[in-house]
Structure formats: C-alpha cells, structure tokens
PDB file of N, CA and C in Angstrom:
ATOM      1  N   MET A   1      -6.755   6.257 -12.224  1.00  0.00           N
ATOM      2  CA  MET A   1      -8.110   6.736 -12.018  1.00  0.00           C
ATOM      3  C   MET A   1      -8.171   8.142 -12.623  1.00  0.00           C
ATOM      4  N   ARG A   2      -9.241   8.372 -13.343  1.00  0.00           N
ATOM      5  CA  ARG A   2      -9.512   9.701 -13.897  1.00  0.00           C
ATOM      6  C   ARG A   2     -10.760  10.205 -13.169  1.00  0.00           C
ATOM      7  N   LEU A   3     -10.762  11.529 -12.963  1.00  0.00           N
ATOM      8  CA  LEU A   3     -11.850  12.081 -12.149  1.00  0.00           C
ATOM      9  C   LEU A   3     -12.277  13.455 -12.662  1.00  0.00           C
ATOM     10  N   TYR A   4     -13.590  13.631 -12.723  1.00  0.00           N
ATOM     11  CA  TYR A   4     -14.138  14.957 -12.957  1.00  0.00           C
ATOM     12  C   TYR A   4     -15.164  15.190 -11.868  1.00  0.00           C
ATOM     13  N   MET A   5     -15.117  16.356 -11.263  1.00  0.00           N
ATOM     14  CA  MET A   5     -16.159  16.677 -10.260  1.00  0.00           C
ATOM     15  C   MET A   5     -16.412  18.180 -10.214  1.00  0.00           C
ATOM     16  N   ASP A   6     -17.591  18.521  -9.877  1.00  0.00           N
ATOM     17  CA  ASP A   6     -17.977  19.872  -9.518  1.00  0.00           C
ATOM     18  C   ASP A   6     -18.685  19.808  -8.168  1.00  0.00           C
ATOM     19  N   GLU A   7     -19.378  20.871  -7.792  1.00  0.00           N
ATOM     20  CA  GLU A   7     -19.966  20.866  -6.415  1.00  0.00           C
ATOM     21  C   GLU A   7     -21.115  19.879  -6.247  1.00  0.00           C
ATOM     22  N   ARG A   8     -21.685  19.370  -7.368  1.00  0.00           N
ATOM     23  CA  ARG A   8     -22.819  18.466  -7.270  1.00  0.00           C
ATOM     24  C   ARG A   8     -22.642  17.117  -7.980  1.00  0.00           C
ATOM     25  N   PHE A   9     -21.525  16.954  -8.704  1.00  0.00           N
ATOM     26  CA  PHE A   9     -21.443  15.863  -9.648  1.00  0.00           C
ATOM     27  C   PHE A   9     -20.047  15.254  -9.616  1.00  0.00           C
ATOM     28  N   ILE A  10     -19.967  13.932  -9.606  1.00  0.00           N
ATOM     29  CA  ILE A  10     -18.665  13.215  -9.623  1.00  0.00           C
ATOM     30  C   ILE A  10     -18.723  12.174 -10.726  1.00  0.00           C
ATOM     31  N   VAL A  11     -17.703  12.169 -11.576  1.00  0.00           N
ATOM     32  CA  VAL A  11     -17.498  11.108 -12.588  1.00  0.00           C
ATOM     33  C   VAL A  11     -16.125  10.577 -12.409  1.00  0.00           C
ATOM     34  N   SER A  12     -15.999   9.295 -12.225  1.00  0.00           N
ATOM     35  CA  SER A  12     -14.656   8.680 -12.100  1.00  0.00           C
ATOM     36  C   SER A  12     -14.591   7.475 -13.044  1.00  0.00           C
ATOM     37  N   THR A  13     -13.421   7.260 -13.579  1.00  0.00           N
ATOM     38  CA  THR A  13     -13.185   6.090 -14.427  1.00  0.00           C
ATOM     39  C   THR A  13     -11.850   5.460 -13.973  1.00  0.00           C
ATOM     40  N   ARG A  14     -11.721   4.175 -14.272  1.00  0.00           N
ATOM     41  CA  ARG A  14     -10.503   3.471 -13.905  1.00  0.00           C
ATOM     42  C   ARG A  14     -10.331   2.286 -14.834  1.00  0.00           C
ATOM     43  N   GLN A  15      -9.086   1.969 -15.084  1.00  0.00           N
ATOM     44  CA  GLN A  15      -8.816   0.789 -15.928  1.00  0.00           C
ATOM     45  C   GLN A  15      -8.663  -0.461 -15.069  1.00  0.00           C
ATOM     46  N   ARG A  16      -8.153  -0.253 -13.877  1.00  0.00           N
ATOM     47  CA  ARG A  16      -7.954  -1.379 -12.966  1.00  0.00           C
ATOM     48  C   ARG A  16      -8.775  -1.161 -11.709  1.00  0.00           C
ATOM     49  N   LYS A  17      -8.945  -2.194 -10.972  1.00  0.00           N
ATOM     50  CA  LYS A  17      -9.678  -2.129  -9.683  1.00  0.00           C
ATOM     51  C   LYS A  17      -8.884  -1.279  -8.710  1.00  0.00           C
ATOM     52  N   VAL A  18      -9.532  -0.337  -8.043  1.00  0.00           N
ATOM     53  CA  VAL A  18      -8.913   0.494  -7.054  1.00  0.00           C
ATOM     54  C   VAL A  18      -9.645   0.209  -5.732  1.00  0.00           C
ATOM     55  N   LEU A  19      -8.964  -0.534  -4.856  1.00  0.00           N
ATOM     56  CA  LEU A  19      -9.604  -0.970  -3.614  1.00  0.00           C
ATOM     57  C   LEU A  19     -10.053   0.225  -2.765  1.00  0.00           C
ATOM     58  N   ALA A  20      -9.321   1.306  -2.822  1.00  0.00           N
ATOM     59  CA  ALA A  20      -9.688   2.491  -2.059  1.00  0.00           C
ATOM     60  C   ALA A  20     -11.056   3.016  -2.477  1.00  0.00           C
ATOM     61  N   LEU A  21     -11.336   2.996  -3.753  1.00  0.00           N
ATOM     62  CA  LEU A  21     -12.672   3.418  -4.223  1.00  0.00           C
ATOM     63  C   LEU A  21     -13.744   2.467  -3.779  1.00  0.00           C
ATOM     64  N   ASP A  22     -13.440   1.189  -3.791  1.00  0.00           N
ATOM     65  CA  ASP A  22     -14.409   0.182  -3.305  1.00  0.00           C
ATOM     66  C   ASP A  22     -14.761   0.436  -1.861  1.00  0.00           C
ATOM     67  N   ASP A  23     -13.807   0.850  -1.047  1.00  0.00           N
ATOM     68  CA  ASP A  23     -14.063   1.155   0.358  1.00  0.00           C
ATOM     69  C   ASP A  23     -15.036   2.305   0.469  1.00  0.00           C
ATOM     70  N   VAL A  24     -14.820   3.377  -0.302  1.00  0.00           N
ATOM     71  CA  VAL A  24     -15.694   4.528  -0.246  1.00  0.00           C
ATOM     72  C   VAL A  24     -17.081   4.229  -0.769  1.00  0.00           C
ATOM     73  N   VAL A  25     -17.152   3.455  -1.855  1.00  0.00           N
ATOM     74  CA  VAL A  25     -18.451   3.067  -2.408  1.00  0.00           C
ATOM     75  C   VAL A  25     -19.220   2.220  -1.401  1.00  0.00           C
ATOM     76  N   SER A  26     -18.535   1.307  -0.753  1.00  0.00           N
ATOM     77  CA  SER A  26     -19.155   0.486   0.287  1.00  0.00           C
ATOM     78  C   SER A  26     -19.774   1.342   1.414  1.00  0.00           C
ATOM     79  N   ASP A  27     -18.981   2.325   1.848  1.00  0.00           N
ATOM     80  CA  ASP A  27     -19.495   3.250   2.870  1.00  0.00           C
ATOM     81  C   ASP A  27     -20.768   3.973   2.362  1.00  0.00           C
ATOM     82  N   LEU A  28     -20.740   4.401   1.115  1.00  0.00           N
ATOM     83  CA  LEU A  28     -21.922   5.083   0.561  1.00  0.00           C
ATOM     84  C   LEU A  28     -23.156   4.142   0.524  1.00  0.00           C
ATOM     85  N   GLN A  29     -22.921   2.889   0.138  1.00  0.00           N
ATOM     86  CA  GLN A  29     -24.008   1.925   0.068  1.00  0.00           C
ATOM     87  C   GLN A  29     -24.604   1.620   1.452  1.00  0.00           C
ATOM     88  N   GLU A  30     -23.753   1.715   2.452  1.00  0.00           N
ATOM     89  CA  GLU A  30     -24.214   1.457   3.834  1.00  0.00           C
ATOM     90  C   GLU A  30     -24.800   2.708   4.477  1.00  0.00           C
ATOM     91  N   GLY A  31     -24.766   3.812   3.765  1.00  0.00           N
ATOM     92  CA  GLY A  31     -25.314   5.056   4.307  1.00  0.00           C
ATOM     93  C   GLY A  31     -24.395   5.793   5.276  1.00  0.00           C
ATOM     94  N   THR A  32     -23.133   5.379   5.318  1.00  0.00           N
ATOM     95  CA  THR A  32     -22.186   6.006   6.250  1.00  0.00           C
ATOM     96  C   THR A  32     -21.123   6.833   5.522  1.00  0.00           C
ATOM     97  N   GLY A  33     -21.300   7.012   4.225  1.00  0.00           N
ATOM     98  CA  GLY A  33     -20.300   7.720   3.415  1.00  0.00           C
ATOM     99  C   GLY A  33     -20.468   9.225   3.516  1.00  0.00           C
ATOM    100  N   PRO A  34     -19.677   9.947   2.720  1.00  0.00           N
ATOM    101  CA  PRO A  34     -19.708  11.418   2.707  1.00  0.00           C
ATOM    102  C   PRO A  34     -21.055  11.936   2.183  1.00  0.00           C
ATOM    103  N   VAL A  35     -21.343  13.162   2.548  1.00  0.00           N
ATOM    104  CA  VAL A  35     -22.661  13.742   2.142  1.00  0.00           C
ATOM    105  C   VAL A  35     -22.511  14.771   1.042  1.00  0.00           C
ATOM    106  N   ASP A  36     -21.277  15.103   0.651  1.00  0.00           N
ATOM    107  CA  ASP A  36     -21.091  16.011  -0.450  1.00  0.00           C
ATOM    108  C   ASP A  36     -19.818  15.663  -1.225  1.00  0.00           C
ATOM    109  N   CYS A  37     -19.600  16.341  -2.347  1.00  0.00           N
ATOM    110  CA  CYS A  37     -18.488  15.999  -3.222  1.00  0.00           C
ATOM    111  C   CYS A  37     -17.116  16.210  -2.552  1.00  0.00           C
ATOM    112  N   GLY A  38     -17.010  17.283  -1.783  1.00  0.00           N
ATOM    113  CA  GLY A  38     -15.781  17.540  -1.048  1.00  0.00           C
ATOM    114  C   GLY A  38     -15.465  16.457  -0.053  1.00  0.00           C
ATOM    115  N   GLY A  39     -16.480  16.004   0.655  1.00  0.00           N
ATOM    116  CA  GLY A  39     -16.318  14.890   1.597  1.00  0.00           C
ATOM    117  C   GLY A  39     -15.939  13.618   0.909  1.00  0.00           C
ATOM    118  N   TRP A  40     -16.500  13.365  -0.287  1.00  0.00           N
ATOM    119  CA  TRP A  40     -16.148  12.198  -1.079  1.00  0.00           C
ATOM    120  C   TRP A  40     -14.670  12.240  -1.445  1.00  0.00           C
ATOM    121  N   LEU A  41     -14.213  13.383  -1.907  1.00  0.00           N
ATOM    122  CA  LEU A  41     -12.802  13.534  -2.316  1.00  0.00           C
ATOM    123  C   LEU A  41     -11.881  13.284  -1.130  1.00  0.00           C
ATOM    124  N   VAL A  42     -12.220  13.822   0.025  1.00  0.00           N
ATOM    125  CA  VAL A  42     -11.413  13.607   1.235  1.00  0.00           C
ATOM    126  C   VAL A  42     -11.383  12.121   1.578  1.00  0.00           C
ATOM    127  N   ASP A  43     -12.551  11.450   1.542  1.00  0.00           N
ATOM    128  CA  ASP A  43     -12.606  10.013   1.844  1.00  0.00           C
ATOM    129  C   ASP A  43     -11.774   9.209   0.866  1.00  0.00           C
ATOM    130  N   VAL A  44     -11.828   9.545  -0.425  1.00  0.00           N
ATOM    131  CA  VAL A  44     -11.033   8.811  -1.415  1.00  0.00           C
ATOM    132  C   VAL A  44      -9.559   9.002  -1.139  1.00  0.00           C
ATOM    133  N   CYS A  45      -9.143  10.262  -0.869  1.00  0.00           N
ATOM    134  CA  CYS A  45      -7.717  10.510  -0.588  1.00  0.00           C
ATOM    135  C   CYS A  45      -7.283   9.763   0.655  1.00  0.00           C
ATOM    136  N   ASP A  46      -8.096   9.755   1.714  1.00  0.00           N
ATOM    137  CA  ASP A  46      -7.772   9.002   2.922  1.00  0.00           C
ATOM    138  C   ASP A  46      -7.633   7.518   2.621  1.00  0.00           C
ATOM    139  N   ALA A  47      -8.570   6.970   1.869  1.00  0.00           N
ATOM    140  CA  ALA A  47      -8.549   5.558   1.541  1.00  0.00           C
ATOM    141  C   ALA A  47      -7.316   5.193   0.714  1.00  0.00           C
ATOM    142  N   LEU A  48      -6.987   6.058  -0.264  1.00  0.00           N
ATOM    143  CA  LEU A  48      -5.785   5.823  -1.068  1.00  0.00           C
ATOM    144  C   LEU A  48      -4.523   5.848  -0.213  1.00  0.00           C
ATOM    145  N   THR A  49      -4.472   6.801   0.717  1.00  0.00           N
ATOM    146  CA  THR A  49      -3.297   6.902   1.609  1.00  0.00           C
ATOM    147  C   THR A  49      -3.219   5.681   2.508  1.00  0.00           C
ATOM    148  N   ASP A  50      -4.361   5.232   3.058  1.00  0.00           N
ATOM    149  CA  ASP A  50      -4.340   4.029   3.897  1.00  0.00           C
ATOM    150  C   ASP A  50      -3.845   2.807   3.147  1.00  0.00           C
ATOM    151  N   HIS A  51      -4.372   2.608   1.935  1.00  0.00           N
ATOM    152  CA  HIS A  51      -3.945   1.436   1.166  1.00  0.00           C
ATOM    153  C   HIS A  51      -2.464   1.536   0.792  1.00  0.00           C
ATOM    154  N   ALA A  52      -2.009   2.712   0.400  1.00  0.00           N
ATOM    155  CA  ALA A  52      -0.588   2.883   0.064  1.00  0.00           C
ATOM    156  C   ALA A  52       0.294   2.656   1.282  1.00  0.00           C
ATOM    157  N   SER A  53      -0.148   3.114   2.442  1.00  0.00           N
ATOM    158  CA  SER A  53       0.651   2.947   3.658  1.00  0.00           C
ATOM    159  C   SER A  53       0.786   1.458   4.003  1.00  0.00           C
ATOM    160  N   GLU A  54      -0.318   0.719   3.887  1.00  0.00           N
ATOM    161  CA  GLU A  54      -0.279  -0.729   4.139  1.00  0.00           C
ATOM    162  C   GLU A  54       0.693  -1.405   3.197  1.00  0.00           C
ATOM    163  N   PHE A  55       0.634  -1.071   1.907  1.00  0.00           N
ATOM    164  CA  PHE A  55       1.517  -1.669   0.947  1.00  0.00           C
ATOM    165  C   PHE A  55       2.982  -1.338   1.248  1.00  0.00           C
ATOM    166  N   ILE A  56       3.255  -0.088   1.567  1.00  0.00           N
ATOM    167  CA  ILE A  56       4.611   0.331   1.850  1.00  0.00           C
ATOM    168  C   ILE A  56       5.133  -0.380   3.092  1.00  0.00           C
ATOM    169  N   GLU A  57       4.301  -0.536   4.109  1.00  0.00           N
ATOM    170  CA  GLU A  57       4.702  -1.236   5.300  1.00  0.00           C
ATOM    171  C   GLU A  57       5.047  -2.689   5.027  1.00  0.00           C
ATOM    172  N   GLU A  58       4.216  -3.371   4.220  1.00  0.00           N
ATOM    173  CA  GLU A  58       4.479  -4.738   3.858  1.00  0.00           C
ATOM    174  C   GLU A  58       5.774  -4.842   3.029  1.00  0.00           C
ATOM    175  N   LEU A  59       5.987  -3.924   2.112  1.00  0.00           N
ATOM    176  CA  LEU A  59       7.176  -3.884   1.309  1.00  0.00           C
ATOM    177  C   LEU A  59       8.414  -3.668   2.180  1.00  0.00           C
ATOM    178  N   HIS A  60       8.310  -2.794   3.119  1.00  0.00           N
ATOM    179  CA  HIS A  60       9.427  -2.499   4.036  1.00  0.00           C
ATOM    180  C   HIS A  60       9.790  -3.737   4.842  1.00  0.00           C
ATOM    181  N   ASP A  61       8.758  -4.463   5.307  1.00  0.00           N
ATOM    182  CA  ASP A  61       9.023  -5.697   6.058  1.00  0.00           C
ATOM    183  C   ASP A  61       9.745  -6.745   5.212  1.00  0.00           C
ATOM    184  N   LYS A  62       9.337  -6.857   3.934  1.00  0.00           N
ATOM    185  CA  LYS A  62       9.977  -7.805   3.033  1.00  0.00           C
ATOM    186  C   LYS A  62      11.425  -7.408   2.778  1.00  0.00           C
ATOM    187  N   ILE A  63      11.675  -6.118   2.596  1.00  0.00           N
ATOM    188  CA  ILE A  63      13.051  -5.641   2.399  1.00  0.00           C
ATOM    189  C   ILE A  63      13.935  -5.955   3.621  1.00  0.00           C
ATOM    190  N   ILE A  64      13.411  -5.731   4.806  1.00  0.00           N
ATOM    191  CA  ILE A  64      14.152  -6.069   6.005  1.00  0.00           C
ATOM    192  C   ILE A  64      14.466  -7.547   6.079  1.00  0.00           C
ATOM    193  N   ASP A  65      13.507  -8.399   5.735  1.00  0.00           N
ATOM    194  CA  ASP A  65      13.759  -9.822   5.711  1.00  0.00           C
ATOM    195  C   ASP A  65      14.837 -10.188   4.700  1.00  0.00           C
ATOM    196  N   LEU A  66      14.791  -9.604   3.529  1.00  0.00           N
ATOM    197  CA  LEU A  66      15.829  -9.863   2.511  1.00  0.00           C
ATOM    198  C   LEU A  66      17.199  -9.444   2.994  1.00  0.00           C
ATOM    199  N   GLU A  67      17.270  -8.265   3.645  1.00  0.00           N
ATOM    200  CA  GLU A  67      18.561  -7.769   4.146  1.00  0.00           C
ATOM    201  C   GLU A  67      19.091  -8.727   5.211  1.00  0.00           C
ATOM    202  N   ASP A  68      18.197  -9.152   6.115  1.00  0.00           N
ATOM    203  CA  ASP A  68      18.623 -10.105   7.154  1.00  0.00           C
ATOM    204  C   ASP A  68      19.124 -11.411   6.585  1.00  0.00           C
ATOM    205  N   ASN A  69      18.414 -11.928   5.592  1.00  0.00           N
ATOM    206  CA  ASN A  69      18.855 -13.176   4.939  1.00  0.00           C
ATOM    207  C   ASN A  69      20.206 -12.983   4.258  1.00  0.00           C
ATOM    208  N   LEU A  70      20.397 -11.880   3.606  1.00  0.00           N
ATOM    209  CA  LEU A  70      21.672 -11.604   2.925  1.00  0.00           C
ATOM    210  C   LEU A  70      22.811 -11.500   3.940  1.00  0.00           C
ATOM    211  N   LEU A  71      22.590 -10.801   5.022  1.00  0.00           N
ATOM    212  CA  LEU A  71      23.618 -10.702   6.077  1.00  0.00           C
ATOM    213  C   LEU A  71      23.917 -12.080   6.680  1.00  0.00           C
ATOM    214  N   ASP A  72      22.897 -12.877   6.899  1.00  0.00           N
ATOM    215  CA  ASP A  72      23.098 -14.227   7.463  1.00  0.00           C
ATOM    216  C   ASP A  72      23.963 -15.071   6.483  1.00  0.00           C
ATOM    217  N   GLN A  73      23.672 -14.951   5.180  1.00  0.00           N
ATOM    218  CA  GLN A  73      24.441 -15.683   4.202  1.00  0.00           C
ATOM    219  C   GLN A  73      25.908 -15.207   4.148  1.00  0.00           C
ATOM    220  N   GLN A  74      26.121 -13.893   4.254  1.00  0.00           N
ATOM    221  CA  GLN A  74      27.476 -13.374   4.236  1.00  0.00           C
ATOM    222  C   GLN A  74      28.221 -13.826   5.475  1.00  0.00           C
ATOM    223  N   ILE A  75      27.582 -13.798   6.617  1.00  0.00           N
ATOM    224  CA  ILE A  75      28.225 -14.233   7.874  1.00  0.00           C
ATOM    225  C   ILE A  75      28.554 -15.718   7.776  1.00  0.00           C
ATOM    226  N   HIS A  76      27.619 -16.494   7.270  1.00  0.00           N
ATOM    227  CA  HIS A  76      27.845 -17.970   7.145  1.00  0.00           C
ATOM    228  C   HIS A  76      29.030 -18.238   6.221  1.00  0.00           C
ATOM    229  N   ARG A  77      29.085 -17.544   5.105  1.00  0.00           N
ATOM    230  CA  ARG A  77      30.249 -17.719   4.178  1.00  0.00           C
ATOM    231  C   ARG A  77      31.554 -17.297   4.819  1.00  0.00           C
ATOM    232  N   ALA A  78      31.525 -16.192   5.562  1.00  0.00           N
ATOM    233  CA  ALA A  78      32.754 -15.746   6.185  1.00  0.00           C
ATOM    234  C   ALA A  78      33.233 -16.723   7.249  1.00  0.00           C
ATOM    235  N   VAL A  79      32.314 -17.236   8.037  1.00  0.00           N
ATOM    236  CA  VAL A  79      32.662 -18.248   9.049  1.00  0.00           C
ATOM    237  C   VAL A  79      33.132 -19.509   8.404  1.00  0.00           C
ATOM    238  N   SER A  80      32.432 -19.958   7.374  1.00  0.00           N
ATOM    239  CA  SER A  80      32.803 -21.215   6.678  1.00  0.00           C
ATOM    240  C   SER A  80      34.191 -21.077   6.051  1.00  0.00           C
ATOM    241  N   SER A  81      34.494 -19.972   5.429  1.00  0.00           N
ATOM    242  CA  SER A  81      35.825 -19.844   4.771  1.00  0.00           C
ATOM    243  C   SER A  81      36.875 -19.680   5.850  1.00  0.00           C
ATOM    244  N   HIS A  82      36.589 -19.082   6.942  1.00  0.00           N
ATOM    245  CA  HIS A  82      37.543 -18.915   8.030  1.00  0.00           C
ATOM    246  C   HIS A  82      37.883 -20.291   8.660  1.00  0.00           C
ATOM    247  N   CYS A  83      36.828 -21.106   8.846  1.00  0.00           N
ATOM    248  CA  CYS A  83      37.055 -22.430   9.402  1.00  0.00           C
ATOM    249  C   CYS A  83      37.855 -23.307   8.439  1.00  0.00           C
ATOM    250  N   TYR A  84      37.601 -23.185   7.140  1.00  0.00           N
ATOM    251  CA  TYR A  84      38.301 -23.978   6.143  1.00  0.00           C
ATOM    252  C   TYR A  84      39.780 -23.611   6.109  1.00  0.00           C
ATOM    253  N   VAL A  85      40.083 -22.316   6.193  1.00  0.00           N
ATOM    254  CA  VAL A  85      41.485 -21.837   6.160  1.00  0.00           C
ATOM    255  C   VAL A  85      42.224 -22.304   7.386  1.00  0.00           C
ATOM    256  N   ASN A  86      41.571 -22.319   8.557  1.00  0.00           N
ATOM    257  CA  ASN A  86      42.241 -22.708   9.797  1.00  0.00           C
ATOM    258  C   ASN A  86      42.311 -24.204   9.993  1.00  0.00           C
ATOM    259  N   SER A  87      41.672 -25.004   9.191  1.00  0.00           N
ATOM    260  CA  SER A  87      41.653 -26.456   9.402  1.00  0.00           C
ATOM    261  C   SER A  87      42.902 -27.141   8.935  1.00  0.00           C
TER     262      SER A  87
END
C-alpha cells in the first residue's frame, strides 16, 4: 500500500486487496468511521494490526499441529523399532 496524506487529504494505492482497508472503508460508508485524517490513519493501523494478529495466531496453531504430528511420528517409529528389536 502506498499512501500520501496531509491534514485534509488522503490518497492511497494498492496492488493487492488489503482487507484492513476494506474494514475502514466499510466503517466510513456506514457513517461510523473516523472524522479526520489522523483518525483514519489510526483506524488503518489498528485494522492492519488486527488482521496480522489473526494471521499470526492461525500460523502459530498450524506450526504447533505440525510439531505435534512430527513428535507423534518420531515416538511411533521409536516404539516400532524397539518392539521389532525385542521380538
């Protein structure tokens, strides 16, 4: 996202969809958005942080699942090889 703003004017461009901006635009369209450029910038930063936090939390959960699966496989292999040796 590229951004230019002064105290009365905001210009933003983006190559890809930014869901955080869509949230702020939606608030503006509903009449519940910020009333000045500074408020808009704060809302955009908050929305970006919220979306990033959600993504990071989902990624963290996936990493934990992968670690658990890897440990389960290692334990299974260790038990299987131990049983084979003792048979």
